């Protein structure tokens, strides 16, 4: 509802996306605070192993979208932006967010799919 309201009042789309990401991160932090009291949960480990590792792909994907929308004009820009941002996110998530075991599993799944 907030995004819809802002877009209806002609706010910049980039501002709306940044606001959406900020709200999602605040909700995630609230969930973490609520979860800590219920179990043996390390906030520091979670932040290091999940939050920080997911920031890189998100930021790179948003940067790719920003660059495309500001420097490229085409009737198919939406599709091009979508495809490139997904590719940037997947590649950067593979490089920055996955550990060695997860990368190995992805490679084995892709190899099984190709055969």
Protein backbone atom coordinates (compact mmCIF):
# COMPACT_ATOMS: atom_id res chain seq x y z
CA UNK A 1 0.00 0.00 0.00
CA UNK A 2 2.83 2.45 0.72
CA UNK A 3 4.42 1.89 -2.67
CA UNK A 4 1.11 2.29 -4.44
CA UNK A 5 0.42 5.53 -2.57
CA UNK A 6 3.85 6.94 -3.40
CA UNK A 7 3.60 5.97 -7.07
CA UNK A 8 0.13 7.49 -7.30
CA UNK A 9 1.58 10.73 -5.93
CA UNK A 10 4.28 10.67 -8.62
CA UNK A 11 7.28 9.79 -6.48
CA UNK A 12 10.37 8.56 -8.31
CA UNK A 13 10.41 4.78 -8.82
CA UNK A 14 13.95 4.55 -7.45
CA UNK A 15 12.80 6.20 -4.22
CA UNK A 16 9.93 3.75 -3.93
CA UNK A 17 12.21 0.73 -4.46
CA UNK A 18 14.70 2.00 -1.88
CA UNK A 19 11.85 2.51 0.57
CA UNK A 20 10.56 -1.02 -0.09
CA UNK A 21 14.00 -2.53 0.53
CA UNK A 22 14.40 -0.48 3.71
CA UNK A 23 11.01 -1.59 5.05
CA UNK A 24 11.82 -5.24 4.29
CA UNK A 25 15.12 -5.02 6.15
CA UNK A 26 13.46 -3.34 9.12
CA UNK A 27 10.83 -6.09 9.24
CA UNK A 28 13.57 -8.70 9.07
CA UNK A 29 15.42 -7.06 11.96
CA UNK A 30 12.19 -6.99 13.97
CA UNK A 31 11.68 -10.72 13.32
CA UNK A 32 15.24 -11.38 14.49
CA UNK A 33 14.63 -9.44 17.71
CA UNK A 34 11.43 -11.40 18.34
CA UNK A 35 13.10 -14.73 17.59
CA UNK A 36 16.11 -14.19 19.89
CA UNK A 37 14.03 -14.58 23.02
CA UNK A 38 12.52 -17.87 21.89
CA UNK A 39 15.60 -20.02 21.24
CA UNK A 40 19.37 -20.27 21.25
CA UNK A 41 19.95 -17.90 18.35
CA UNK A 42 23.12 -15.94 17.60
CA UNK A 43 22.32 -12.57 16.04
CA UNK A 44 25.99 -11.97 15.23
CA UNK A 45 26.32 -15.26 13.32
CA UNK A 46 23.05 -14.62 11.49
CA UNK A 47 24.12 -11.14 10.46
CA UNK A 48 27.53 -12.35 9.26
CA UNK A 49 26.27 -15.45 7.47
CA UNK A 50 23.00 -14.19 6.03
CA UNK A 51 22.40 -10.45 6.09
CA UNK A 52 25.77 -9.21 4.94
CA UNK A 53 26.12 -11.92 2.31
CA UNK A 54 22.75 -11.06 0.81
CA UNK A 55 23.46 -7.34 0.60
CA UNK A 56 26.02 -7.69 -2.20
CA UNK A 57 23.72 -9.37 -4.76
CA UNK A 58 20.86 -7.01 -3.95
CA UNK A 59 23.02 -3.90 -4.25
CA UNK A 60 24.64 -5.08 -7.49
CA UNK A 61 21.25 -5.92 -8.98
CA UNK A 62 19.81 -2.53 -8.02
CA UNK A 63 22.91 -0.85 -9.44
CA UNK A 64 22.47 -2.72 -12.73
CA UNK A 65 18.83 -1.63 -12.91
CA UNK A 66 19.76 1.95 -12.14
CA UNK A 67 22.46 2.05 -14.81
CA UNK A 68 20.21 0.51 -17.46
CA UNK A 69 17.27 2.80 -16.75
CA UNK A 70 19.38 5.95 -16.78
CA UNK A 71 21.63 5.24 -19.75
CA UNK A 72 19.54 3.08 -22.07
CA UNK A 73 16.34 4.01 -23.83
CA UNK A 74 14.39 1.40 -25.73
CA UNK A 75 10.82 0.18 -26.00
CA UNK A 76 12.06 -3.15 -24.58
CA UNK A 77 13.99 -1.60 -21.70
CA UNK A 78 11.77 -3.27 -19.10
CA UNK A 79 12.53 -6.75 -20.43
CA UNK A 80 16.23 -5.98 -20.84
CA UNK A 81 16.40 -4.55 -17.31
CA UNK A 82 14.65 -7.63 -15.91
CA UNK A 83 16.91 -10.12 -17.67
CA UNK A 84 20.14 -8.31 -16.80
CA UNK A 85 19.17 -7.72 -13.17
CA UNK A 86 18.26 -11.39 -12.72
CA UNK A 87 21.56 -12.48 -14.28
CA UNK A 88 23.55 -10.04 -12.13
CA UNK A 89 21.72 -11.21 -9.01
CA UNK A 90 22.19 -14.93 -9.73
CA UNK A 91 25.88 -14.60 -10.59
CA UNK A 92 26.67 -12.32 -7.66
CA UNK A 93 24.67 -14.49 -5.26
CA UNK A 94 26.65 -17.50 -6.45
CA UNK A 95 29.95 -15.66 -6.01
CA UNK A 96 29.29 -13.78 -2.76
CA UNK A 97 26.46 -15.48 -0.87
CA UNK A 98 27.04 -19.21 -1.18
CA UNK A 99 29.62 -21.22 0.72
CA UNK A 100 31.71 -23.96 -0.92
CA UNK A 101 29.23 -26.76 -0.19
CA UNK A 102 26.33 -24.78 -1.62
CA UNK A 103 28.31 -23.92 -4.75
CA UNK A 104 29.23 -27.57 -5.23
CA UNK A 105 25.58 -28.56 -4.92
CA UNK A 106 24.53 -25.95 -7.49
CA UNK A 107 27.21 -27.16 -9.91
CA UNK A 108 26.12 -30.79 -9.50
CA UNK A 109 22.45 -29.88 -10.06
CA UNK A 110 23.31 -27.92 -13.20
CA UNK A 111 25.48 -30.77 -14.48
CA UNK A 112 22.64 -33.26 -13.94
CA UNK A 113 20.25 -30.92 -15.73
CA UNK A 114 22.59 -30.52 -18.72
CA UNK A 115 23.08 -34.27 -19.18
